[in-house]
Amino acid sequence: MINKTLLEAVEARDISSVITVLKENPSLETKNNDGETPLMRAVYNQDNAIATVLINAGANVNAQDKMLNSPFLYAGAEGNLEIVKLALNHGANFGVYNRYGGSALIPAAEKGHLDVVKLLVNTPNYPKDHINNLGWTALLEAVILSDGGKVHVNIVKALIAGGCNVNIADKNGVTSLAHAKKRGYTEMIQVLEEAKGK
């Protein structure tokens, strides 16, 4: 069998074919023209059953495609808690970043994926205060790119409870609290002030 067969089985969302191909030709790291491994395709397809089979077979959860997404990073950004947990248990590399220089936590916080945020900030040695290419941490992004509503107030609370530094400023020296004040996000302001935000 040729390497492409595993990619085809993943694309067909045919778990029995995936298992068969893995037994005959376990080419887990073959890539398509977009640099996507079979695991990356399964994660893009939100096919957790096939992704789980591939991860348990040893697929690399950190392999990046041409857009610099990896299964771990993309699962975090999309709020796919099941795959994030599996990736953490199968060698997720915290030093691999997306095309914005961001970790899995930053887009998870921006998009309001509370369970993923809570998991990552409570994962030992996770870089919860990582700064992306825009100069933003997960906390800054949760304030700047939100509407200040309940979902993101809870994200801010989870980031603070997980030990994120509330006083890291953006490239212009503006903190999360200052951004919240500028936007009139009353509840976020209160949460950040209670956490000794400046």
N, C-alpha and C. Protein backbone atom coordinates (compact mmCIF):
# COMPACT_ATOMS: atom_id res chain seq x y z
N MET A 1 0.85 -1.20 0.00
CA MET A 1 0.00 0.00 0.00
C MET A 1 0.88 1.25 0.00
N ILE A 2 0.36 2.31 -0.55
CA ILE A 2 1.13 3.54 -0.59
C ILE A 2 0.72 4.43 0.58
N ASN A 3 1.60 5.36 0.94
CA ASN A 3 1.36 6.24 2.07
C ASN A 3 0.04 6.98 1.98
N LYS A 4 -0.35 7.37 0.79
CA LYS A 4 -1.56 8.16 0.59
C LYS A 4 -2.81 7.44 1.09
N THR A 5 -2.76 6.13 1.15
CA THR A 5 -3.93 5.35 1.55
C THR A 5 -4.44 5.73 2.93
N LEU A 6 -3.56 5.97 3.87
CA LEU A 6 -4.00 6.36 5.21
C LEU A 6 -4.70 7.72 5.15
N LEU A 7 -4.16 8.64 4.41
CA LEU A 7 -4.82 9.94 4.24
C LEU A 7 -6.19 9.77 3.61
N GLU A 8 -6.28 8.90 2.62
CA GLU A 8 -7.58 8.66 1.97
C GLU A 8 -8.58 8.05 2.94
N ALA A 9 -8.14 7.12 3.76
CA ALA A 9 -9.04 6.50 4.74
C ALA A 9 -9.52 7.51 5.76
N VAL A 10 -8.62 8.41 6.16
CA VAL A 10 -8.99 9.47 7.11
C VAL A 10 -10.00 10.40 6.46
N GLU A 11 -9.73 10.81 5.22
CA GLU A 11 -10.65 11.71 4.51
C GLU A 11 -12.02 11.08 4.31
N ALA A 12 -12.05 9.77 4.11
CA ALA A 12 -13.32 9.06 3.92
C ALA A 12 -14.05 8.86 5.26
N ARG A 13 -13.36 9.20 6.34
CA ARG A 13 -13.90 9.04 7.70
C ARG A 13 -14.31 7.59 7.95
N ASP A 14 -13.46 6.71 7.47
CA ASP A 14 -13.70 5.27 7.55
C ASP A 14 -12.75 4.67 8.58
N ILE A 15 -13.22 4.57 9.81
CA ILE A 15 -12.34 4.14 10.91
C ILE A 15 -11.85 2.71 10.72
N SER A 16 -12.66 1.82 10.17
CA SER A 16 -12.20 0.44 9.97
C SER A 16 -11.08 0.39 8.94
N SER A 17 -11.17 1.21 7.90
CA SER A 17 -10.08 1.28 6.91
C SER A 17 -8.82 1.88 7.52
N VAL A 18 -9.00 2.89 8.37
CA VAL A 18 -7.84 3.49 9.05
C VAL A 18 -7.12 2.43 9.87
N ILE A 19 -7.86 1.65 10.62
CA ILE A 19 -7.26 0.60 11.46
C ILE A 19 -6.57 -0.45 10.59
N THR A 20 -7.19 -0.84 9.50
CA THR A 20 -6.59 -1.82 8.58
C THR A 20 -5.29 -1.30 7.98
N VAL A 21 -5.32 -0.07 7.49
CA VAL A 21 -4.12 0.52 6.89
C VAL A 21 -3.00 0.63 7.93
N LEU A 22 -3.36 1.01 9.15
CA LEU A 22 -2.34 1.13 10.20
C LEU A 22 -1.65 -0.21 10.46
N LYS A 23 -2.39 -1.29 10.39
CA LYS A 23 -1.80 -2.62 10.61
C LYS A 23 -0.86 -3.00 9.47
N GLU A 24 -1.22 -2.63 8.25
CA GLU A 24 -0.44 -3.03 7.08
C GLU A 24 0.69 -2.06 6.75
N ASN A 25 0.46 -0.78 6.98
CA ASN A 25 1.43 0.24 6.58
C ASN A 25 1.26 1.48 7.45
N PRO A 26 1.83 1.45 8.64
CA PRO A 26 1.61 2.56 9.58
C PRO A 26 2.40 3.82 9.23
N SER A 27 2.02 4.47 8.15
CA SER A 27 2.70 5.69 7.69
C SER A 27 2.02 6.90 8.31
N LEU A 28 2.22 7.06 9.60
CA LEU A 28 1.50 8.09 10.36
C LEU A 28 1.87 9.51 9.98
N GLU A 29 3.09 9.71 9.50
CA GLU A 29 3.56 11.08 9.29
C GLU A 29 3.62 11.49 7.82
N THR A 30 3.02 10.71 6.95
CA THR A 30 2.95 11.12 5.55
C THR A 30 2.13 12.42 5.47
N LYS A 31 2.43 13.26 4.49
CA LYS A 31 1.74 14.55 4.39
C LYS A 31 1.14 14.74 3.00
N ASN A 32 0.04 15.47 2.96
CA ASN A 32 -0.56 15.84 1.68
C ASN A 32 0.09 17.12 1.16
N ASN A 33 -0.43 17.69 0.10
CA ASN A 33 0.17 18.89 -0.50
C ASN A 33 0.11 20.11 0.41
N ASP A 34 -0.76 20.09 1.40
CA ASP A 34 -0.86 21.20 2.36
C ASP A 34 -0.02 20.94 3.61
N GLY A 35 0.76 19.87 3.57
CA GLY A 35 1.62 19.54 4.70
C GLY A 35 0.87 18.92 5.86
N GLU A 36 -0.32 18.41 5.61
CA GLU A 36 -1.16 17.86 6.67
C GLU A 36 -0.95 16.35 6.81
N THR A 37 -0.71 15.92 8.03
CA THR A 37 -0.61 14.49 8.32
C THR A 37 -2.03 13.91 8.42
N PRO A 38 -2.15 12.59 8.44
CA PRO A 38 -3.47 12.00 8.66
C PRO A 38 -4.12 12.50 9.95
N LEU A 39 -3.34 12.65 11.02
CA LEU A 39 -3.90 13.15 12.27
C LEU A 39 -4.40 14.58 12.12
N MET A 40 -3.64 15.41 11.43
CA MET A 40 -4.08 16.80 11.23
C MET A 40 -5.40 16.82 10.47
N ARG A 41 -5.54 15.98 9.45
CA ARG A 41 -6.80 15.91 8.69
C ARG A 41 -7.95 15.45 9.59
N ALA A 42 -7.69 14.47 10.43
CA ALA A 42 -8.75 13.98 11.33
C ALA A 42 -9.18 15.08 12.29
N VAL A 43 -8.23 15.85 12.79
CA VAL A 43 -8.57 16.94 13.72
C VAL A 43 -9.32 18.04 12.97
N TYR A 44 -8.88 18.39 11.77
CA TYR A 44 -9.63 19.37 10.97
C TYR A 44 -11.06 18.89 10.71
N ASN A 45 -11.21 17.59 10.49
CA ASN A 45 -12.53 17.01 10.22
C ASN A 45 -13.37 16.85 11.49
N GLN A 46 -12.79 17.18 12.63
CA GLN A 46 -13.44 16.99 13.93
C GLN A 46 -13.87 15.54 14.12
N ASP A 47 -13.03 14.64 13.63
CA ASP A 47 -13.29 13.21 13.73
C ASP A 47 -12.46 12.66 14.89
N ASN A 48 -12.99 12.81 16.09
CA ASN A 48 -12.24 12.43 17.28
C ASN A 48 -11.97 10.94 17.36
N ALA A 49 -12.86 10.12 16.84
CA ALA A 49 -12.65 8.67 16.89
C ALA A 49 -11.41 8.29 16.10
N ILE A 50 -11.29 8.79 14.87
CA ILE A 50 -10.11 8.48 14.06
C ILE A 50 -8.87 9.15 14.65
N ALA A 51 -9.00 10.39 15.11
CA ALA A 51 -7.86 11.08 15.72
C ALA A 51 -7.34 10.28 16.91
N THR A 52 -8.23 9.74 17.71
CA THR A 52 -7.83 8.95 18.87
C THR A 52 -7.07 7.70 18.45
N VAL A 53 -7.55 7.02 17.43
CA VAL A 53 -6.86 5.83 16.91
C VAL A 53 -5.45 6.21 16.46
N LEU A 54 -5.33 7.31 15.73
CA LEU A 54 -4.03 7.74 15.21
C LEU A 54 -3.08 8.15 16.33
N ILE A 55 -3.59 8.90 17.31
CA ILE A 55 -2.74 9.32 18.44
C ILE A 55 -2.27 8.10 19.22
N ASN A 56 -3.18 7.19 19.49
CA ASN A 56 -2.80 5.98 20.23
C ASN A 56 -1.84 5.10 19.45
N ALA A 57 -1.83 5.24 18.12
CA ALA A 57 -0.88 4.50 17.27
C ALA A 57 0.48 5.19 17.20
N GLY A 58 0.57 6.40 17.78
CA GLY A 58 1.85 7.10 17.82
C GLY A 58 1.98 8.30 16.91
N ALA A 59 0.87 8.78 16.35
CA ALA A 59 0.94 9.96 15.48
C ALA A 59 1.45 11.16 16.26
N ASN A 60 2.22 11.99 15.60
CA ASN A 60 2.84 13.16 16.21
C ASN A 60 1.80 14.27 16.38
N VAL A 61 1.50 14.62 17.63
CA VAL A 61 0.49 15.65 17.92
C VAL A 61 1.03 17.06 17.69
N ASN A 62 2.34 17.17 17.39
CA ASN A 62 2.97 18.47 17.18
C ASN A 62 3.32 18.76 15.72
N ALA A 63 3.06 17.82 14.83
CA ALA A 63 3.43 17.99 13.41
C ALA A 63 2.63 19.14 12.81
N GLN A 64 3.35 20.14 12.31
CA GLN A 64 2.69 21.32 11.77
C GLN A 64 2.53 21.23 10.26
N ASP A 65 1.40 21.77 9.78
CA ASP A 65 1.16 21.83 8.35
C ASP A 65 1.69 23.15 7.81
N LYS A 66 1.41 23.44 6.56
CA LYS A 66 1.94 24.67 5.94
C LYS A 66 1.37 25.94 6.57
N MET A 67 0.22 25.84 7.24
CA MET A 67 -0.36 27.00 7.93
C MET A 67 0.15 27.11 9.37
N LEU A 68 1.06 26.20 9.75
CA LEU A 68 1.65 26.10 11.08
C LEU A 68 0.66 25.65 12.15
N ASN A 69 -0.44 25.03 11.74
CA ASN A 69 -1.33 24.38 12.69
C ASN A 69 -0.75 23.01 13.01
N SER A 70 -0.94 22.58 14.24
CA SER A 70 -0.64 21.20 14.63
C SER A 70 -1.92 20.64 15.23
N PRO A 71 -2.02 19.33 15.36
CA PRO A 71 -3.22 18.77 15.99
C PRO A 71 -3.48 19.35 17.38
N PHE A 72 -2.44 19.49 18.19
CA PHE A 72 -2.59 20.05 19.53
C PHE A 72 -3.04 21.51 19.48
N LEU A 73 -2.35 22.33 18.70
CA LEU A 73 -2.69 23.75 18.62
C LEU A 73 -4.11 23.96 18.09
N TYR A 74 -4.45 23.25 17.04
CA TYR A 74 -5.76 23.44 16.42
C TYR A 74 -6.88 22.94 17.34
N ALA A 75 -6.66 21.83 18.00
CA ALA A 75 -7.67 21.32 18.93
C ALA A 75 -7.93 22.32 20.04
N GLY A 76 -6.86 22.95 20.54
CA GLY A 76 -7.03 23.98 21.57
C GLY A 76 -7.81 25.17 21.05
N ALA A 77 -7.46 25.63 19.86
CA ALA A 77 -8.13 26.79 19.27
C ALA A 77 -9.60 26.53 18.99
N GLU A 78 -9.93 25.28 18.69
CA GLU A 78 -11.32 24.92 18.36
C GLU A 78 -12.11 24.41 19.56
N GLY A 79 -11.47 24.35 20.73
CA GLY A 79 -12.18 23.90 21.92
C GLY A 79 -12.43 22.41 21.95
N ASN A 80 -11.59 21.63 21.27
CA ASN A 80 -11.75 20.18 21.23
C ASN A 80 -11.03 19.58 22.43
N LEU A 81 -11.72 19.58 23.57
CA LEU A 81 -11.14 19.17 24.84
C LEU A 81 -10.61 17.74 24.79
N GLU A 82 -11.34 16.85 24.17
CA GLU A 82 -10.93 15.44 24.11
C GLU A 82 -9.56 15.29 23.44
N ILE A 83 -9.35 15.97 22.33
CA ILE A 83 -8.08 15.86 21.61
C ILE A 83 -6.97 16.62 22.35
N VAL A 84 -7.31 17.73 22.98
CA VAL A 84 -6.31 18.45 23.78
C VAL A 84 -5.80 17.53 24.90
N LYS A 85 -6.71 16.87 25.60
CA LYS A 85 -6.31 15.95 26.68
C LYS A 85 -5.42 14.84 26.14
N LEU A 86 -5.83 14.23 25.03
CA LEU A 86 -5.03 13.16 24.43
C LEU A 86 -3.65 13.67 24.04
N ALA A 87 -3.60 14.84 23.44
CA ALA A 87 -2.32 15.41 23.02
C ALA A 87 -1.41 15.66 24.22
N LEU A 88 -1.98 16.16 25.31
CA LEU A 88 -1.19 16.39 26.52
C LEU A 88 -0.59 15.09 27.04
N ASN A 89 -1.31 14.00 26.87
CA ASN A 89 -0.83 12.70 27.34
C ASN A 89 0.06 11.99 26.32
N HIS A 90 0.21 12.59 25.15
CA HIS A 90 1.02 11.97 24.09
C HIS A 90 2.05 12.94 23.51
N GLY A 91 2.69 13.69 24.39
CA GLY A 91 3.85 14.48 23.98
C GLY A 91 3.62 15.86 23.42
N ALA A 92 2.51 16.50 23.77
CA ALA A 92 2.29 17.88 23.30
C ALA A 92 3.49 18.75 23.67
N ASN A 93 4.01 19.45 22.68
CA ASN A 93 5.18 20.31 22.86
C ASN A 93 4.71 21.74 23.03
N PHE A 94 4.98 22.31 24.21
CA PHE A 94 4.51 23.66 24.52
C PHE A 94 5.32 24.74 23.81
N GLY A 95 6.40 24.37 23.15
CA GLY A 95 7.24 25.33 22.43
C GLY A 95 6.93 25.40 20.94
N VAL A 96 5.88 24.74 20.50
CA VAL A 96 5.44 24.79 19.10
C VAL A 96 4.30 25.80 19.03
N TYR A 97 4.43 26.79 18.14
CA TYR A 97 3.45 27.87 18.08
C TYR A 97 2.78 27.97 16.71
N ASN A 98 1.60 28.57 16.69
CA ASN A 98 0.86 28.74 15.44
C ASN A 98 1.43 29.89 14.61
N ARG A 99 0.82 30.18 13.48
CA ARG A 99 1.35 31.21 12.57
C ARG A 99 1.35 32.61 13.17
N TYR A 100 0.62 32.79 14.27
CA TYR A 100 0.61 34.08 14.98
C TYR A 100 1.59 34.07 16.15
N GLY A 101 2.38 33.01 16.24
CA GLY A 101 3.31 32.88 17.35
C GLY A 101 2.60 32.57 18.66
N GLY A 102 1.41 32.02 18.55
CA GLY A 102 0.59 31.76 19.74
C GLY A 102 0.57 30.31 20.15
N SER A 103 0.24 30.11 21.41
CA SER A 103 0.06 28.78 21.99
C SER A 103 -1.39 28.34 21.79
N ALA A 104 -1.71 27.14 22.21
CA ALA A 104 -3.10 26.65 22.14
C ALA A 104 -4.01 27.46 23.05
N LEU A 105 -3.47 27.96 24.15
CA LEU A 105 -4.27 28.70 25.14
C LEU A 105 -4.79 30.02 24.60
N ILE A 106 -4.00 30.73 23.82
CA ILE A 106 -4.39 32.08 23.39
C ILE A 106 -5.67 32.07 22.55
N PRO A 107 -5.76 31.29 21.47
CA PRO A 107 -7.03 31.29 20.74
C PRO A 107 -8.17 30.63 21.52
N ALA A 108 -7.84 29.69 22.40
CA ALA A 108 -8.90 29.08 23.23
C ALA A 108 -9.53 30.15 24.12
N ALA A 109 -8.70 31.03 24.67
CA ALA A 109 -9.21 32.12 25.51
C ALA A 109 -10.01 33.11 24.68
N GLU A 110 -9.49 33.46 23.53
CA GLU A 110 -10.19 34.41 22.65
C GLU A 110 -11.57 33.88 22.24
N LYS A 111 -11.63 32.59 21.92
CA LYS A 111 -12.88 32.02 21.40
C LYS A 111 -13.83 31.54 22.49
N GLY A 112 -13.42 31.67 23.76
CA GLY A 112 -14.32 31.35 24.85
C GLY A 112 -14.43 29.87 25.19
N HIS A 113 -13.38 29.10 24.94
CA HIS A 113 -13.40 27.67 25.23
C HIS A 113 -12.94 27.43 26.68
N LEU A 114 -13.87 27.59 27.61
CA LEU A 114 -13.56 27.59 29.04
C LEU A 114 -12.91 26.30 29.51
N ASP A 115 -13.42 25.14 29.10
CA ASP A 115 -12.86 23.87 29.57
C ASP A 115 -11.41 23.70 29.13
N VAL A 116 -11.11 24.10 27.90
CA VAL A 116 -9.74 24.00 27.41
C VAL A 116 -8.84 24.97 28.17
N VAL A 117 -9.33 26.19 28.40
CA VAL A 117 -8.56 27.18 29.15
C VAL A 117 -8.24 26.65 30.54
N LYS A 118 -9.24 26.14 31.24
CA LYS A 118 -9.01 25.61 32.59
C LYS A 118 -8.00 24.47 32.59
N LEU A 119 -8.11 23.59 31.61
CA LEU A 119 -7.18 22.47 31.52
C LEU A 119 -5.75 22.96 31.30
N LEU A 120 -5.56 23.85 30.35
CA LEU A 120 -4.20 24.29 30.01
C LEU A 120 -3.56 25.11 31.11
N VAL A 121 -4.30 26.02 31.75
CA VAL A 121 -3.66 26.83 32.80
C VAL A 121 -3.32 26.00 34.03
N ASN A 122 -3.93 24.83 34.14
CA ASN A 122 -3.64 23.95 35.27
C ASN A 122 -2.72 22.79 34.90
N THR A 123 -2.18 22.84 33.70
CA THR A 123 -1.22 21.83 33.24
C THR A 123 0.17 22.26 33.68
N PRO A 124 0.89 21.41 34.42
CA PRO A 124 2.23 21.78 34.87
C PRO A 124 3.13 22.21 33.72
N ASN A 125 3.86 23.29 33.95
CA ASN A 125 4.84 23.84 33.01
C ASN A 125 4.24 24.43 31.73
N TYR A 126 2.92 24.57 31.67
CA TYR A 126 2.33 25.17 30.48
C TYR A 126 2.63 26.67 30.47
N PRO A 127 3.05 27.24 29.33
CA PRO A 127 3.42 28.66 29.25
C PRO A 127 2.19 29.57 29.20
N LYS A 128 1.51 29.72 30.34
CA LYS A 128 0.24 30.45 30.36
C LYS A 128 0.38 31.94 30.09
N ASP A 129 1.57 32.48 30.26
CA ASP A 129 1.79 33.90 29.99
C ASP A 129 2.57 34.13 28.69
N HIS A 130 2.56 33.14 27.81
CA HIS A 130 3.25 33.27 26.52
C HIS A 130 2.69 34.48 25.76
N ILE A 131 3.58 35.22 25.12
CA ILE A 131 3.21 36.41 24.34
C ILE A 131 3.34 36.08 22.86
N ASN A 132 2.26 36.30 22.09
CA ASN A 132 2.27 35.99 20.66
C ASN A 132 2.89 37.13 19.84
N ASN A 133 2.88 36.99 18.53
CA ASN A 133 3.50 37.99 17.64
C ASN A 133 2.82 39.36 17.71
N LEU A 134 1.57 39.40 18.16
CA LEU A 134 0.86 40.67 18.31
C LEU A 134 1.22 41.36 19.62
N GLY A 135 1.94 40.64 20.48
CA GLY A 135 2.30 41.18 21.78
C GLY A 135 1.25 40.90 22.84
N TRP A 136 0.42 39.89 22.60
CA TRP A 136 -0.68 39.59 23.51
C TRP A 136 -0.52 38.23 24.19
N THR A 137 -0.89 38.20 25.46
CA THR A 137 -1.03 36.94 26.19
C THR A 137 -2.47 36.45 26.01
N ALA A 138 -2.77 35.29 26.56
CA ALA A 138 -4.15 34.78 26.52
C ALA A 138 -5.08 35.74 27.25
N LEU A 139 -4.62 36.30 28.36
CA LEU A 139 -5.45 37.23 29.13
C LEU A 139 -5.72 38.51 28.33
N LEU A 140 -4.70 39.07 27.75
CA LEU A 140 -4.90 40.26 26.92
C LEU A 140 -5.87 39.98 25.78
N GLU A 141 -5.69 38.84 25.11
CA GLU A 141 -6.55 38.51 23.98
C GLU A 141 -8.00 38.28 24.43
N ALA A 142 -8.18 37.70 25.61
CA ALA A 142 -9.53 37.46 26.13
C ALA A 142 -10.26 38.77 26.41
N VAL A 143 -9.51 39.82 26.69
CA VAL A 143 -10.12 41.14 26.91
C VAL A 143 -10.27 41.88 25.57
N ILE A 144 -9.18 41.99 24.84
CA ILE A 144 -9.15 42.81 23.62
C ILE A 144 -10.10 42.30 22.54
N LEU A 145 -10.16 40.99 22.34
CA LEU A 145 -10.95 40.43 21.24
C LEU A 145 -12.31 39.90 21.69
N SER A 146 -12.78 40.34 22.85
CA SER A 146 -14.09 39.89 23.34
C SER A 146 -15.08 41.04 23.34
N ASP A 147 -16.31 40.70 23.70
CA ASP A 147 -17.34 41.72 23.84
C ASP A 147 -17.56 42.09 25.31
N GLY A 148 -16.70 41.53 26.19
CA GLY A 148 -16.82 41.82 27.62
C GLY A 148 -17.94 41.07 28.30
N GLY A 149 -18.56 40.12 27.59
CA GLY A 149 -19.70 39.38 28.13
C GLY A 149 -19.31 38.27 29.09
N LYS A 150 -20.32 37.56 29.55
CA LYS A 150 -20.16 36.53 30.59
C LYS A 150 -19.15 35.45 30.20
N VAL A 151 -19.20 35.01 28.95
CA VAL A 151 -18.28 33.95 28.51
C VAL A 151 -16.84 34.37 28.76
N HIS A 152 -16.49 35.58 28.34
CA HIS A 152 -15.10 36.02 28.48
C HIS A 152 -14.77 36.49 29.89
N VAL A 153 -15.76 36.91 30.64
CA VAL A 153 -15.52 37.20 32.07
C VAL A 153 -15.10 35.89 32.74
N ASN A 154 -15.77 34.80 32.42
CA ASN A 154 -15.40 33.50 32.99
C ASN A 154 -14.03 33.04 32.51
N ILE A 155 -13.69 33.35 31.28
CA ILE A 155 -12.35 33.03 30.76
C ILE A 155 -11.31 33.81 31.55
N VAL A 156 -11.54 35.11 31.74
CA VAL A 156 -10.61 35.94 32.51
C VAL A 156 -10.46 35.39 33.93
N LYS A 157 -11.56 35.02 34.55
CA LYS A 157 -11.51 34.44 35.90
C LYS A 157 -10.67 33.16 35.91
N ALA A 158 -10.87 32.30 34.92
CA ALA A 158 -10.13 31.04 34.85
C ALA A 158 -8.64 31.28 34.63
N LEU A 159 -8.31 32.25 33.78
CA LEU A 159 -6.90 32.58 33.54
C LEU A 159 -6.24 33.09 34.82
N ILE A 160 -6.95 33.94 35.53
CA ILE A 160 -6.42 34.47 36.80
C ILE A 160 -6.28 33.35 37.82
N ALA A 161 -7.32 32.53 37.96
CA ALA A 161 -7.28 31.41 38.91
C ALA A 161 -6.15 30.45 38.58
N GLY A 162 -5.82 30.33 37.29
CA GLY A 162 -4.74 29.45 36.86
C GLY A 162 -3.36 30.06 37.03
N GLY A 163 -3.29 31.30 37.49
CA GLY A 163 -2.01 31.93 37.77
C GLY A 163 -1.46 32.84 36.70
N CYS A 164 -2.26 33.23 35.74
CA CYS A 164 -1.77 34.15 34.71
C CYS A 164 -1.46 35.51 35.31
N ASN A 165 -0.43 36.14 34.81
CA ASN A 165 -0.01 37.46 35.29
C ASN A 165 -0.94 38.52 34.72
N VAL A 166 -1.66 39.21 35.60
CA VAL A 166 -2.65 40.20 35.15
C VAL A 166 -2.02 41.51 34.70
N ASN A 167 -0.75 41.69 34.97
CA ASN A 167 -0.13 42.98 34.67
C ASN A 167 0.84 42.97 33.49
N ILE A 168 0.84 41.91 32.70
CA ILE A 168 1.64 41.93 31.48
C ILE A 168 0.94 42.86 30.49
N ALA A 169 1.69 43.81 29.97
CA ALA A 169 1.13 44.79 29.03
C ALA A 169 1.39 44.38 27.59
N ASP A 170 0.62 44.96 26.68
CA ASP A 170 0.85 44.71 25.25
C ASP A 170 2.05 45.51 24.77
N LYS A 171 2.31 45.50 23.47
CA LYS A 171 3.47 46.20 22.91
C LYS A 171 3.44 47.70 23.15
N ASN A 172 2.25 48.23 23.42
CA ASN A 172 2.11 49.67 23.67
C ASN A 172 2.06 50.00 25.16
N GLY A 173 2.33 49.01 26.00
CA GLY A 173 2.33 49.24 27.44
C GLY A 173 0.95 49.25 28.07
N VAL A 174 -0.06 48.77 27.36
CA VAL A 174 -1.44 48.78 27.86
C VAL A 174 -1.77 47.41 28.46
N THR A 175 -2.20 47.41 29.72
CA THR A 175 -2.52 46.17 30.42
C THR A 175 -3.94 45.70 30.11
N SER A 176 -4.25 44.50 30.57
CA SER A 176 -5.60 43.95 30.41
C SER A 176 -6.63 44.85 31.08
N LEU A 177 -6.33 45.34 32.28
CA LEU A 177 -7.26 46.21 32.99
C LEU A 177 -7.49 47.50 32.21
N ALA A 178 -6.42 48.09 31.68
CA ALA A 178 -6.57 49.33 30.91
C ALA A 178 -7.41 49.09 29.65
N HIS A 179 -7.21 47.94 29.00
CA HIS A 179 -8.03 47.62 27.83
C HIS A 179 -9.50 47.45 28.23
N ALA A 180 -9.75 46.79 29.35
CA ALA A 180 -11.13 46.59 29.82
C ALA A 180 -11.78 47.93 30.15
N LYS A 181 -11.02 48.83 30.77
CA LYS A 181 -11.56 50.16 31.09
C LYS A 181 -11.87 50.94 29.82
N LYS A 182 -10.97 50.87 28.86
CA LYS A 182 -11.16 51.59 27.59
C LYS A 182 -12.43 51.12 26.87
N ARG A 183 -12.76 49.85 27.07
CA ARG A 183 -13.93 49.27 26.40
C ARG A 183 -15.20 49.32 27.26
N GLY A 184 -15.05 49.73 28.51
CA GLY A 184 -16.20 49.81 29.40
C GLY A 184 -16.72 48.45 29.85
N TYR A 185 -15.83 47.47 29.99
CA TYR A 185 -16.22 46.12 30.39
C TYR A 185 -16.27 46.04 31.92
N THR A 186 -17.36 46.50 32.49
CA THR A 186 -17.50 46.68 33.93
C THR A 186 -17.14 45.44 34.74
N GLU A 187 -17.71 44.29 34.39
CA GLU A 187 -17.46 43.08 35.18
C GLU A 187 -16.00 42.63 35.06
N MET A 188 -15.42 42.74 33.88
CA MET A 188 -14.00 42.39 33.72
C MET A 188 -13.12 43.33 34.53
N ILE A 189 -13.48 44.60 34.54
CA ILE A 189 -12.71 45.59 35.31
C ILE A 189 -12.69 45.17 36.77
N GLN A 190 -13.84 44.80 37.30
CA GLN A 190 -13.94 44.39 38.70
C GLN A 190 -13.08 43.15 38.97
N VAL A 191 -13.17 42.16 38.10
CA VAL A 191 -12.40 40.92 38.26
C VAL A 191 -10.90 41.22 38.22
N LEU A 192 -10.48 42.05 37.28
CA LEU A 192 -9.06 42.37 37.14
C LEU A 192 -8.56 43.22 38.31
N GLU A 193 -9.37 44.14 38.79
CA GLU A 193 -8.97 44.95 39.95
C GLU A 193 -8.85 44.09 41.20
N GLU A 194 -9.77 43.15 41.37
CA GLU A 194 -9.70 42.24 42.52
C GLU A 194 -8.45 41.37 42.46
N ALA A 195 -7.93 41.13 41.26
CA ALA A 195 -6.72 40.34 41.08
C ALA A 195 -5.46 41.21 41.11
N LYS A 196 -5.62 42.44 41.56
CA LYS A 196 -4.50 43.40 41.68
C LYS A 196 -3.98 43.86 40.33
N GLY A 197 -4.88 43.93 39.36
CA GLY A 197 -4.50 44.45 38.06
C GLY A 197 -4.24 45.94 38.13
N LYS A 198 -3.33 46.40 37.27
CA LYS A 198 -2.98 47.83 37.25
C LYS A 198 -3.34 48.42 35.91
